[in-house]
């Protein structure tokens, strides 16, 4: 997948270079600086449009690549794609099936809320013999038990989200370390 992305990017630049070389007219003026946008999931997009506010932005000068028609530094592009793939895989791995578990937990909470509403509507005759209808004391106790079950579900969800956040941080740190090692290897060349 990484090689496919690099190949498509390089092929596009080469196609542009050969098309402009075959024309008698000068090539159209191209903005040599592009925006490198990094999304929250770690994916990277190169664009001439400004990055959305929620994405990390970096200006990249591509003028040397455009002058030489080389398509730029393929090693740098490959490293960027590899980093994006690492971050995407890290997020997917950290999330696992927690979304399904939280969805199931939310269904339990909805069932508990419905049970609680049914219990709250139950009435009993007042114990003083007045014949008035009052909240059923047994229902109040059952409502308290249902509230405890709802609290357990919410606690589970909170712990699951915290666990995912911890796994994501660990996985992202691993991607950062890998990117730093790759950058050091490139600097040595």
N, C-alpha and C. Protein backbone atom coordinates (compact mmCIF):
# COMPACT_ATOMS: atom_id res chain seq x y z
N UNK A 1 0.81 -1.18 0.00
CA UNK A 1 0.00 0.00 0.00
C UNK A 1 0.86 1.25 0.00
N UNK A 2 1.94 1.23 0.80
CA UNK A 2 2.86 2.36 0.87
C UNK A 2 3.51 2.57 -0.49
N UNK A 3 3.97 1.50 -1.09
CA UNK A 3 4.63 1.62 -2.39
C UNK A 3 3.64 2.11 -3.45
N UNK A 4 2.40 1.70 -3.35
CA UNK A 4 1.39 2.15 -4.30
C UNK A 4 1.21 3.66 -4.20
N UNK A 5 1.13 4.18 -3.00
CA UNK A 5 0.96 5.63 -2.82
C UNK A 5 2.16 6.39 -3.38
N UNK A 6 3.35 5.90 -3.08
CA UNK A 6 4.56 6.56 -3.57
C UNK A 6 4.59 6.50 -5.09
N UNK A 7 4.25 5.36 -5.65
CA UNK A 7 4.26 5.19 -7.09
C UNK A 7 3.26 6.13 -7.75
N UNK A 8 2.05 6.23 -7.22
CA UNK A 8 1.03 7.10 -7.80
C UNK A 8 1.48 8.55 -7.75
N UNK A 9 2.07 8.97 -6.63
CA UNK A 9 2.54 10.35 -6.50
C UNK A 9 3.66 10.62 -7.51
N UNK A 10 4.61 9.70 -7.61
CA UNK A 10 5.73 9.87 -8.53
C UNK A 10 5.25 9.85 -9.98
N UNK A 11 4.34 8.95 -10.29
CA UNK A 11 3.82 8.86 -11.66
C UNK A 11 3.09 10.14 -12.05
N UNK A 12 2.36 10.73 -11.13
CA UNK A 12 1.65 11.98 -11.41
C UNK A 12 2.64 13.09 -11.72
N UNK A 13 3.68 13.21 -10.92
CA UNK A 13 4.68 14.24 -11.16
C UNK A 13 5.42 14.00 -12.48
N UNK A 14 5.77 12.75 -12.78
CA UNK A 14 6.45 12.44 -14.03
C UNK A 14 5.56 12.72 -15.23
N UNK A 15 4.29 12.38 -15.12
CA UNK A 15 3.35 12.63 -16.21
C UNK A 15 3.24 14.13 -16.47
N UNK A 16 3.20 14.91 -15.43
CA UNK A 16 3.12 16.35 -15.59
C UNK A 16 4.39 16.87 -16.26
N UNK A 17 5.54 16.37 -15.81
CA UNK A 17 6.81 16.82 -16.37
C UNK A 17 6.92 16.49 -17.85
N UNK A 18 6.54 15.28 -18.25
CA UNK A 18 6.65 14.91 -19.66
C UNK A 18 5.62 15.64 -20.50
N UNK A 19 4.44 15.91 -19.96
CA UNK A 19 3.42 16.64 -20.71
C UNK A 19 3.85 18.08 -20.93
N UNK A 20 4.46 18.70 -19.95
CA UNK A 20 4.88 20.09 -20.13
C UNK A 20 6.11 20.16 -21.03
N UNK A 21 6.96 19.12 -21.05
CA UNK A 21 8.13 19.11 -21.92
C UNK A 21 7.72 18.96 -23.38
N UNK A 22 6.61 18.32 -23.69
CA UNK A 22 6.16 18.12 -25.05
C UNK A 22 5.46 19.35 -25.62
N UNK A 23 5.08 20.25 -24.79
CA UNK A 23 4.35 21.44 -25.22
C UNK A 23 5.33 22.54 -25.59
N UNK A 24 4.96 23.37 -26.58
CA UNK A 24 5.78 24.51 -26.96
C UNK A 24 5.59 25.67 -26.01
N UNK A 25 4.49 25.66 -25.28
CA UNK A 25 4.20 26.75 -24.36
C UNK A 25 4.86 26.46 -23.03
N UNK A 26 5.19 27.53 -22.31
CA UNK A 26 5.80 27.29 -20.99
C UNK A 26 4.79 26.62 -20.07
N UNK A 27 5.29 25.84 -19.14
CA UNK A 27 4.36 25.16 -18.22
C UNK A 27 3.64 26.18 -17.36
N UNK A 28 2.43 25.86 -16.94
CA UNK A 28 1.70 26.79 -16.08
C UNK A 28 2.44 26.97 -14.76
N UNK A 29 2.27 28.14 -14.20
CA UNK A 29 2.93 28.43 -12.93
C UNK A 29 2.26 27.59 -11.84
N UNK A 30 3.09 26.87 -11.11
CA UNK A 30 2.58 26.01 -10.05
C UNK A 30 3.13 26.51 -8.73
N UNK A 31 2.27 26.51 -7.75
CA UNK A 31 2.70 26.92 -6.42
C UNK A 31 3.68 25.88 -5.90
N UNK A 32 4.89 26.31 -5.60
CA UNK A 32 5.93 25.38 -5.18
C UNK A 32 5.79 24.98 -3.72
N UNK A 33 4.97 25.69 -2.97
CA UNK A 33 4.77 25.37 -1.56
C UNK A 33 3.38 24.76 -1.42
N UNK A 34 3.33 23.58 -0.82
CA UNK A 34 2.06 22.92 -0.58
C UNK A 34 1.87 22.73 0.92
N UNK A 35 0.65 22.47 1.30
CA UNK A 35 0.33 22.24 2.71
C UNK A 35 0.33 20.74 2.98
N UNK A 36 1.04 20.36 4.02
CA UNK A 36 1.05 18.97 4.47
C UNK A 36 0.13 18.93 5.69
N UNK A 37 -1.04 18.33 5.54
CA UNK A 37 -2.04 18.30 6.60
C UNK A 37 -2.03 16.92 7.27
N UNK A 38 -1.91 16.92 8.58
CA UNK A 38 -1.91 15.67 9.34
C UNK A 38 -3.19 15.62 10.17
N UNK A 39 -4.04 14.64 9.90
CA UNK A 39 -5.31 14.49 10.61
C UNK A 39 -5.07 13.84 11.97
N UNK A 40 -6.10 13.83 12.81
CA UNK A 40 -6.00 13.25 14.15
C UNK A 40 -5.66 11.76 14.10
N UNK A 41 -6.11 11.06 13.03
CA UNK A 41 -5.81 9.64 12.91
C UNK A 41 -4.41 9.37 12.37
N UNK A 42 -3.66 10.46 12.08
CA UNK A 42 -2.29 10.30 11.63
C UNK A 42 -2.13 10.30 10.12
N UNK A 43 -3.24 10.33 9.37
CA UNK A 43 -3.13 10.33 7.92
C UNK A 43 -2.61 11.68 7.44
N UNK A 44 -1.86 11.65 6.35
CA UNK A 44 -1.24 12.85 5.80
C UNK A 44 -1.79 13.11 4.42
N UNK A 45 -2.12 14.38 4.15
CA UNK A 45 -2.62 14.79 2.84
C UNK A 45 -1.82 16.01 2.41
N UNK A 46 -1.34 16.02 1.16
CA UNK A 46 -0.66 17.17 0.59
C UNK A 46 -1.68 17.92 -0.27
N UNK A 47 -1.79 19.23 -0.07
CA UNK A 47 -2.80 20.00 -0.78
C UNK A 47 -2.33 21.43 -0.96
N UNK A 48 -2.85 22.09 -2.02
CA UNK A 48 -2.55 23.51 -2.18
C UNK A 48 -3.52 24.36 -1.38
N UNK A 49 -4.59 23.76 -0.89
CA UNK A 49 -5.56 24.47 -0.04
C UNK A 49 -5.09 24.42 1.41
N UNK A 50 -5.46 25.42 2.19
CA UNK A 50 -5.07 25.41 3.61
C UNK A 50 -5.67 24.19 4.33
N UNK A 51 -4.98 23.74 5.36
CA UNK A 51 -5.46 22.60 6.15
C UNK A 51 -6.66 23.01 6.98
N UNK A 52 -7.61 22.09 7.21
CA UNK A 52 -8.70 22.38 8.14
C UNK A 52 -8.14 22.70 9.52
N UNK A 53 -8.89 23.44 10.30
CA UNK A 53 -8.42 23.89 11.62
C UNK A 53 -8.04 22.74 12.54
N UNK A 54 -8.72 21.61 12.43
CA UNK A 54 -8.50 20.49 13.34
C UNK A 54 -7.26 19.68 12.97
N UNK A 55 -6.61 20.00 11.86
CA UNK A 55 -5.47 19.22 11.42
C UNK A 55 -4.18 20.01 11.61
N UNK A 56 -3.13 19.28 11.87
CA UNK A 56 -1.80 19.88 12.02
C UNK A 56 -1.32 20.28 10.62
N UNK A 57 -0.84 21.52 10.49
CA UNK A 57 -0.42 22.03 9.18
C UNK A 57 1.08 22.26 9.14
N UNK A 58 1.66 21.99 7.98
CA UNK A 58 3.08 22.25 7.76
C UNK A 58 3.24 22.62 6.30
N UNK A 59 4.00 23.67 6.02
CA UNK A 59 4.28 24.09 4.64
C UNK A 59 5.46 23.26 4.13
N UNK A 60 5.34 22.75 2.90
CA UNK A 60 6.39 21.95 2.31
C UNK A 60 6.78 22.60 0.98
N UNK A 61 8.07 22.90 0.81
CA UNK A 61 8.57 23.51 -0.42
C UNK A 61 8.90 22.41 -1.42
N UNK A 62 8.19 22.40 -2.54
CA UNK A 62 8.40 21.38 -3.56
C UNK A 62 9.06 21.96 -4.80
N UNK A 63 9.61 23.17 -4.71
CA UNK A 63 10.16 23.82 -5.89
C UNK A 63 11.32 23.03 -6.50
N UNK A 64 12.19 22.45 -5.69
CA UNK A 64 13.30 21.67 -6.23
C UNK A 64 12.80 20.47 -7.02
N UNK A 65 11.79 19.82 -6.51
CA UNK A 65 11.23 18.65 -7.20
C UNK A 65 10.59 19.08 -8.51
N UNK A 66 9.92 20.24 -8.52
CA UNK A 66 9.28 20.70 -9.74
C UNK A 66 10.31 21.12 -10.79
N UNK A 67 11.42 21.73 -10.35
CA UNK A 67 12.47 22.15 -11.29
C UNK A 67 13.13 20.94 -11.95
N UNK A 68 13.40 19.92 -11.17
CA UNK A 68 14.12 18.77 -11.71
C UNK A 68 13.19 17.75 -12.36
N UNK A 69 11.92 17.85 -12.06
CA UNK A 69 10.98 16.87 -12.60
C UNK A 69 11.17 15.50 -11.98
N UNK A 70 11.85 15.47 -10.83
CA UNK A 70 12.18 14.19 -10.22
C UNK A 70 11.06 13.61 -9.39
N UNK A 71 10.08 14.43 -9.08
CA UNK A 71 9.01 13.94 -8.22
C UNK A 71 9.35 14.10 -6.76
N UNK A 72 10.44 14.77 -6.47
CA UNK A 72 10.78 15.02 -5.08
C UNK A 72 11.59 13.89 -4.48
N UNK A 73 11.76 13.97 -3.22
CA UNK A 73 12.53 12.99 -2.49
C UNK A 73 11.60 11.82 -2.15
N UNK A 74 11.70 10.77 -2.92
CA UNK A 74 10.80 9.63 -2.73
C UNK A 74 10.99 8.98 -1.37
N UNK A 75 12.21 9.03 -0.84
CA UNK A 75 12.46 8.44 0.47
C UNK A 75 11.68 9.20 1.53
N UNK A 76 11.68 10.53 1.43
CA UNK A 76 10.94 11.35 2.40
C UNK A 76 9.44 11.10 2.28
N UNK A 77 8.96 10.99 1.06
CA UNK A 77 7.54 10.71 0.84
C UNK A 77 7.17 9.34 1.42
N UNK A 78 8.02 8.35 1.15
CA UNK A 78 7.76 7.01 1.67
C UNK A 78 7.75 7.00 3.19
N UNK A 79 8.67 7.77 3.80
CA UNK A 79 8.70 7.84 5.27
C UNK A 79 7.42 8.46 5.80
N UNK A 80 6.91 9.50 5.11
CA UNK A 80 5.66 10.12 5.54
C UNK A 80 4.48 9.17 5.43
N UNK A 81 4.45 8.40 4.36
CA UNK A 81 3.37 7.44 4.17
C UNK A 81 3.47 6.33 5.21
N UNK A 82 4.70 5.87 5.47
CA UNK A 82 4.90 4.83 6.48
C UNK A 82 4.44 5.32 7.85
N UNK A 83 4.76 6.57 8.18
CA UNK A 83 4.34 7.15 9.46
C UNK A 83 2.81 7.22 9.53
N UNK A 84 2.17 7.64 8.44
CA UNK A 84 0.71 7.70 8.41
C UNK A 84 0.11 6.32 8.61
N UNK A 85 0.67 5.33 7.92
CA UNK A 85 0.17 3.96 8.06
C UNK A 85 0.34 3.44 9.49
N UNK A 86 1.49 3.78 10.09
CA UNK A 86 1.75 3.36 11.48
C UNK A 86 0.71 3.95 12.41
N UNK A 87 0.44 5.23 12.25
CA UNK A 87 -0.52 5.91 13.14
C UNK A 87 -1.94 5.37 12.94
N UNK A 88 -2.32 5.13 11.70
CA UNK A 88 -3.65 4.58 11.43
C UNK A 88 -3.79 3.19 12.04
N UNK A 89 -2.78 2.36 11.86
CA UNK A 89 -2.81 1.00 12.43
C UNK A 89 -2.81 1.06 13.96
N UNK A 90 -2.07 2.01 14.53
CA UNK A 90 -2.03 2.15 15.98
C UNK A 90 -3.41 2.52 16.53
N UNK A 91 -4.10 3.42 15.87
CA UNK A 91 -5.43 3.81 16.33
C UNK A 91 -6.42 2.65 16.23
N UNK A 92 -6.35 1.94 15.12
CA UNK A 92 -7.26 0.80 14.94
C UNK A 92 -6.98 -0.29 15.98
N UNK A 93 -5.72 -0.55 16.23
CA UNK A 93 -5.34 -1.57 17.19
C UNK A 93 -5.77 -1.19 18.61
N UNK A 94 -5.56 0.07 18.97
CA UNK A 94 -5.91 0.52 20.32
C UNK A 94 -7.41 0.49 20.55
N UNK A 95 -8.19 0.84 19.52
CA UNK A 95 -9.64 0.87 19.68
C UNK A 95 -10.23 -0.52 19.79
N UNK A 96 -9.67 -1.47 19.06
CA UNK A 96 -10.16 -2.84 19.12
C UNK A 96 -11.67 -2.88 18.91
N UNK A 97 -12.36 -3.58 19.78
CA UNK A 97 -13.82 -3.67 19.69
C UNK A 97 -14.50 -2.88 20.80
N UNK A 98 -13.80 -1.87 21.35
CA UNK A 98 -14.38 -1.11 22.46
C UNK A 98 -15.64 -0.36 22.03
N UNK A 99 -15.73 0.06 20.79
CA UNK A 99 -16.93 0.75 20.33
C UNK A 99 -18.15 -0.17 20.43
N UNK A 100 -17.97 -1.43 20.07
CA UNK A 100 -19.07 -2.39 20.17
C UNK A 100 -19.44 -2.64 21.63
N UNK A 101 -18.43 -2.71 22.49
CA UNK A 101 -18.70 -2.93 23.91
C UNK A 101 -19.44 -1.74 24.52
N UNK A 102 -19.06 -0.55 24.15
CA UNK A 102 -19.73 0.64 24.69
C UNK A 102 -21.15 0.73 24.13
N UNK A 103 -21.33 0.36 22.88
CA UNK A 103 -22.67 0.35 22.29
C UNK A 103 -23.58 -0.63 23.05
N UNK A 104 -23.04 -1.81 23.36
CA UNK A 104 -23.80 -2.80 24.14
C UNK A 104 -24.11 -2.25 25.53
N UNK A 105 -23.15 -1.59 26.14
CA UNK A 105 -23.36 -0.99 27.46
C UNK A 105 -24.44 0.07 27.40
N UNK A 106 -24.46 0.86 26.33
CA UNK A 106 -25.50 1.88 26.18
C UNK A 106 -26.88 1.25 26.03
N UNK A 107 -26.96 0.09 25.38
CA UNK A 107 -28.25 -0.62 25.28
C UNK A 107 -28.70 -1.08 26.67
N UNK A 108 -27.76 -1.55 27.49
CA UNK A 108 -28.10 -1.96 28.86
C UNK A 108 -28.63 -0.76 29.64
N UNK A 109 -27.95 0.38 29.51
CA UNK A 109 -28.40 1.58 30.23
C UNK A 109 -29.80 1.98 29.78
N UNK A 110 -30.08 1.89 28.49
CA UNK A 110 -31.42 2.24 27.99
C UNK A 110 -32.46 1.28 28.58
N UNK A 111 -32.13 -0.01 28.66
CA UNK A 111 -33.06 -0.97 29.27
C UNK A 111 -33.28 -0.66 30.75
N UNK A 112 -32.20 -0.31 31.45
CA UNK A 112 -32.32 0.03 32.87
C UNK A 112 -33.17 1.27 33.07
N UNK A 113 -33.01 2.25 32.19
CA UNK A 113 -33.80 3.48 32.29
C UNK A 113 -35.29 3.17 32.09
N UNK A 114 -35.57 2.30 31.12
CA UNK A 114 -36.96 1.92 30.88
C UNK A 114 -37.53 1.17 32.09
N UNK A 115 -36.76 0.28 32.67
CA UNK A 115 -37.19 -0.44 33.87
C UNK A 115 -37.43 0.54 35.02
N UNK A 116 -36.54 1.51 35.13
CA UNK A 116 -36.66 2.52 36.19
C UNK A 116 -37.94 3.34 36.02
N UNK A 117 -38.26 3.72 34.78
CA UNK A 117 -39.49 4.48 34.52
C UNK A 117 -40.73 3.66 34.87
N UNK A 118 -40.70 2.37 34.55
CA UNK A 118 -41.82 1.50 34.89
C UNK A 118 -41.98 1.40 36.40
N UNK A 119 -40.87 1.24 37.11
CA UNK A 119 -40.92 1.13 38.57
C UNK A 119 -41.42 2.44 39.20
N UNK A 120 -41.00 3.57 38.63
CA UNK A 120 -41.42 4.87 39.18
C UNK A 120 -42.91 5.10 39.03
N UNK A 121 -43.52 4.48 38.05
CA UNK A 121 -44.96 4.66 37.84
C UNK A 121 -45.82 3.76 38.73
N UNK A 122 -45.21 2.82 39.43
CA UNK A 122 -45.98 1.90 40.29
C UNK A 122 -46.37 2.61 41.59
N UNK A 123 -47.61 2.45 41.93
CA UNK A 123 -48.16 3.07 43.14
C UNK A 123 -48.73 2.00 44.05
N UNK A 124 -48.87 2.38 45.31
CA UNK A 124 -49.46 1.49 46.32
C UNK A 124 -50.34 2.35 47.22
N UNK A 125 -51.25 1.69 47.94
CA UNK A 125 -52.09 2.44 48.90
C UNK A 125 -51.24 2.87 50.08
N UNK A 126 -51.52 4.05 50.56
CA UNK A 126 -50.78 4.59 51.71
C UNK A 126 -50.98 3.67 52.91
N UNK A 127 -49.91 3.46 53.70
CA UNK A 127 -50.00 2.56 54.84
C UNK A 127 -50.87 3.11 55.98
N UNK A 128 -51.23 4.39 55.90
CA UNK A 128 -52.03 4.98 56.99
C UNK A 128 -53.51 4.66 56.88
N UNK A 129 -53.91 3.92 55.84
CA UNK A 129 -55.30 3.51 55.69
C UNK A 129 -56.17 4.59 55.08
N UNK A 130 -55.60 5.69 54.59
CA UNK A 130 -56.38 6.79 54.03
C UNK A 130 -56.90 6.47 52.64
N UNK A 131 -56.38 5.44 52.02
CA UNK A 131 -56.83 5.08 50.68
C UNK A 131 -56.13 5.87 49.58
N UNK A 132 -55.19 6.72 49.96
CA UNK A 132 -54.44 7.51 48.97
C UNK A 132 -53.39 6.61 48.32
N UNK A 133 -53.08 6.93 47.05
CA UNK A 133 -52.03 6.22 46.31
C UNK A 133 -50.71 6.96 46.52
N UNK A 134 -49.67 6.21 46.88
CA UNK A 134 -48.32 6.76 47.08
C UNK A 134 -47.34 5.90 46.30
N UNK A 135 -46.11 6.43 46.18
CA UNK A 135 -45.06 5.64 45.52
C UNK A 135 -44.87 4.33 46.28
N UNK A 136 -44.74 3.26 45.53
CA UNK A 136 -44.56 1.94 46.12
C UNK A 136 -43.17 1.86 46.77
N UNK A 137 -43.09 1.57 48.08
CA UNK A 137 -41.78 1.49 48.75
C UNK A 137 -40.88 0.41 48.14
N UNK A 138 -41.45 -0.68 47.71
CA UNK A 138 -40.65 -1.74 47.08
C UNK A 138 -40.07 -1.25 45.76
N UNK A 139 -40.82 -0.41 45.05
CA UNK A 139 -40.34 0.15 43.79
C UNK A 139 -39.16 1.09 44.03
N UNK A 140 -39.24 1.87 45.12
CA UNK A 140 -38.13 2.79 45.42
C UNK A 140 -36.84 2.01 45.65
N UNK A 141 -36.93 0.89 46.33
CA UNK A 141 -35.74 0.07 46.57
C UNK A 141 -35.21 -0.51 45.24
N UNK A 142 -36.13 -0.98 44.40
CA UNK A 142 -35.74 -1.54 43.10
C UNK A 142 -35.10 -0.46 42.21
N UNK A 143 -35.63 0.79 42.31
CA UNK A 143 -35.06 1.90 41.54
C UNK A 143 -33.62 2.16 42.00
N UNK A 144 -33.38 2.10 43.27
CA UNK A 144 -32.02 2.30 43.80
C UNK A 144 -31.08 1.22 43.26
N UNK A 145 -31.56 -0.01 43.18
CA UNK A 145 -30.73 -1.09 42.63
C UNK A 145 -30.43 -0.87 41.15
N UNK A 146 -31.45 -0.40 40.40
CA UNK A 146 -31.26 -0.12 38.97
C UNK A 146 -30.27 1.04 38.79
N UNK A 147 -30.37 2.06 39.65
CA UNK A 147 -29.40 3.16 39.60
C UNK A 147 -27.98 2.64 39.80
N UNK A 148 -27.81 1.67 40.68
CA UNK A 148 -26.50 1.06 40.89
C UNK A 148 -25.99 0.35 39.64
N UNK A 149 -26.90 -0.34 38.93
CA UNK A 149 -26.52 -1.02 37.69
C UNK A 149 -26.12 -0.01 36.61
N UNK A 150 -26.85 1.09 36.53
CA UNK A 150 -26.51 2.15 35.56
C UNK A 150 -25.13 2.73 35.89
N UNK A 151 -24.87 2.95 37.17
CA UNK A 151 -23.56 3.49 37.58
C UNK A 151 -22.43 2.54 37.19
N UNK A 152 -22.67 1.23 37.34
CA UNK A 152 -21.65 0.24 36.95
C UNK A 152 -21.37 0.30 35.45
N UNK A 153 -22.42 0.44 34.65
CA UNK A 153 -22.25 0.53 33.19
C UNK A 153 -21.46 1.79 32.82
N UNK A 154 -21.78 2.89 33.44
CA UNK A 154 -21.06 4.15 33.14
C UNK A 154 -19.60 4.06 33.59
N UNK A 155 -19.35 3.40 34.71
CA UNK A 155 -17.98 3.19 35.18
C UNK A 155 -17.21 2.33 34.18
N UNK A 156 -17.86 1.27 33.68
CA UNK A 156 -17.23 0.42 32.67
C UNK A 156 -16.84 1.23 31.44
N UNK A 157 -17.76 2.08 30.98
CA UNK A 157 -17.49 2.89 29.79
C UNK A 157 -16.32 3.84 30.03
N UNK A 158 -16.28 4.45 31.19
CA UNK A 158 -15.21 5.39 31.52
C UNK A 158 -13.85 4.65 31.54
N UNK A 159 -13.81 3.48 32.16
CA UNK A 159 -12.57 2.71 32.22
C UNK A 159 -12.15 2.25 30.83
N UNK A 160 -13.12 1.84 30.00
CA UNK A 160 -12.81 1.38 28.64
C UNK A 160 -12.21 2.52 27.81
N UNK A 161 -12.78 3.70 27.93
CA UNK A 161 -12.25 4.86 27.18
C UNK A 161 -10.85 5.23 27.67
N UNK A 162 -10.64 5.18 28.97
CA UNK A 162 -9.31 5.49 29.52
C UNK A 162 -8.28 4.47 29.05
N UNK A 163 -8.68 3.21 29.00
CA UNK A 163 -7.79 2.15 28.53
C UNK A 163 -7.41 2.36 27.07
N UNK A 164 -8.40 2.73 26.24
CA UNK A 164 -8.13 3.01 24.83
C UNK A 164 -7.18 4.19 24.69
N UNK A 165 -7.41 5.25 25.46
CA UNK A 165 -6.54 6.43 25.39
C UNK A 165 -5.11 6.06 25.76
N UNK A 166 -4.94 5.23 26.77
CA UNK A 166 -3.61 4.80 27.18
C UNK A 166 -2.93 3.97 26.09
N UNK A 167 -3.68 3.05 25.49
CA UNK A 167 -3.14 2.23 24.40
C UNK A 167 -2.77 3.09 23.20
N UNK A 168 -3.62 4.09 22.89
CA UNK A 168 -3.33 4.97 21.76
C UNK A 168 -2.05 5.76 22.01
N UNK A 169 -1.88 6.27 23.20
CA UNK A 169 -0.69 7.04 23.52
C UNK A 169 0.56 6.17 23.38
N UNK A 170 0.50 4.95 23.89
CA UNK A 170 1.64 4.04 23.78
C UNK A 170 1.95 3.73 22.31
N UNK A 171 0.91 3.47 21.52
CA UNK A 171 1.11 3.14 20.11
C UNK A 171 1.65 4.34 19.33
N UNK A 172 1.16 5.52 19.63
CA UNK A 172 1.64 6.73 18.94
C UNK A 172 3.10 7.00 19.31
N UNK A 173 3.46 6.77 20.56
CA UNK A 173 4.86 6.94 20.97
C UNK A 173 5.76 5.98 20.19
N UNK A 174 5.28 4.76 19.97
CA UNK A 174 6.05 3.79 19.19
C UNK A 174 6.22 4.28 17.75
N UNK A 175 5.17 4.87 17.18
CA UNK A 175 5.27 5.43 15.83
C UNK A 175 6.26 6.59 15.80
N UNK A 176 6.22 7.44 16.83
CA UNK A 176 7.16 8.56 16.91
C UNK A 176 8.59 8.06 16.97
N UNK A 177 8.83 7.02 17.76
CA UNK A 177 10.18 6.46 17.87
C UNK A 177 10.64 5.87 16.54
N UNK A 178 9.72 5.19 15.85
CA UNK A 178 10.06 4.61 14.56
C UNK A 178 10.38 5.71 13.55
N UNK A 179 9.59 6.79 13.56
CA UNK A 179 9.83 7.91 12.64
C UNK A 179 11.17 8.57 12.95
N UNK A 180 11.51 8.71 14.23
CA UNK A 180 12.79 9.31 14.61
C UNK A 180 13.95 8.44 14.14
N UNK A 181 13.83 7.12 14.29
CA UNK A 181 14.88 6.21 13.83
C UNK A 181 15.04 6.30 12.32
N UNK A 182 13.91 6.37 11.60
CA UNK A 182 13.97 6.49 10.14
C UNK A 182 14.63 7.80 9.74
N UNK A 183 14.31 8.87 10.45
CA UNK A 183 14.91 10.18 10.14
C UNK A 183 16.41 10.15 10.40
N UNK A 184 16.84 9.50 11.49
CA UNK A 184 18.26 9.38 11.77
C UNK A 184 18.97 8.57 10.70
N UNK A 185 18.31 7.52 10.24
CA UNK A 185 18.91 6.69 9.19
C UNK A 185 19.05 7.49 7.90
N UNK A 186 18.07 8.35 7.61
CA UNK A 186 18.13 9.18 6.41
C UNK A 186 19.25 10.23 6.53
N UNK A 187 19.42 10.79 7.73
CA UNK A 187 20.45 11.79 7.94
C UNK A 187 21.85 11.20 7.76
N UNK A 188 22.00 9.93 8.08
CA UNK A 188 23.31 9.27 7.95
C UNK A 188 23.67 9.01 6.50
N UNK A 189 22.67 8.95 5.63
CA UNK A 189 22.93 8.65 4.20
C UNK A 189 23.49 9.83 3.51
